């Protein structure tokens, strides 16, 4: 099949590109290298086409999104704290850019699998979270992902095949420190023999999902006969931030204690996925749990 991956030089995108290449697909990467890095694709760069294009540029996208089977749309701005300072830029990239993809899917009749986010839910007291829960984002980033889901409804009614994957907290090799989740930041501190810093009291519940499992979820979604769906992609396993820090310290065999600082704006208290729908529709289940990966990674 002939696929395009937007944001294909980024963390999730590059893992997806490698999976697609290994499966024998024809892959073109579209990335403006704002946060993505070409070296993320070093292992496959001779087997793909790369185009430096910003997804806000409709005319350039129009020239390239032709005669294809599908688009995996991973390009986005994703830093919650940055979204408070740059709401317009976040809207332009995450909403206007995404609508450009949907418009061209309608025009050229290809399927889209795109990165939504668990941030659309906002604070939820009842976990695990089902897809039918209300969507109440608490930060501008989450709002852009909700706006995208409104676009899914609009374009689905026009016959466009779109599946949105609501990613929970992603982890894995190659996540950059600047745009990373808590695991990467904890790892960086521990590898310097420094204590991990926890924002808040550490009681926040998270659901960590391995990046390679996310790549598989994307491919299964694209290959499925399902045309329209918004679905959770997580591990389904909860862990608190304090438990995470203590597990990482234990695996590192260092004598450290977490440092506590004030909570961050826009930080959700409880996040855990109900992944029944993904299993039922795509026969997808995560294979690697966070504790297993951390034990491998922190072997000293």
Foldseek 3Di string as FASTA:
>chain_A
DEEEEEVLQADLNVLLVVVCVVVPYAYEYEYLPPPGDPVSNVVCVVRYHYDNDQLLPLVVVLVPPAPGAEYEYEDADDAQVVCQVCVPVRLSRLANSLVSVLVSCLVHVHAYEYEAAPQQQFADPDPPDFPPHHGDHQTSNSVSSVNVVVVLVVSVVSVHFYEYEHEFAEDDPPHDPVRHDQVVQQVVQVVVVHQREAAPPQQAKGFYAYSNLVSVLRVLSSPFPRRYYYAYDTQQDIDTRLRVRVLLCVLLVHPYHYHYHHHDRRDYRYYGHDHPVSCVRRVGHGDDGPSNVSSVVNHD
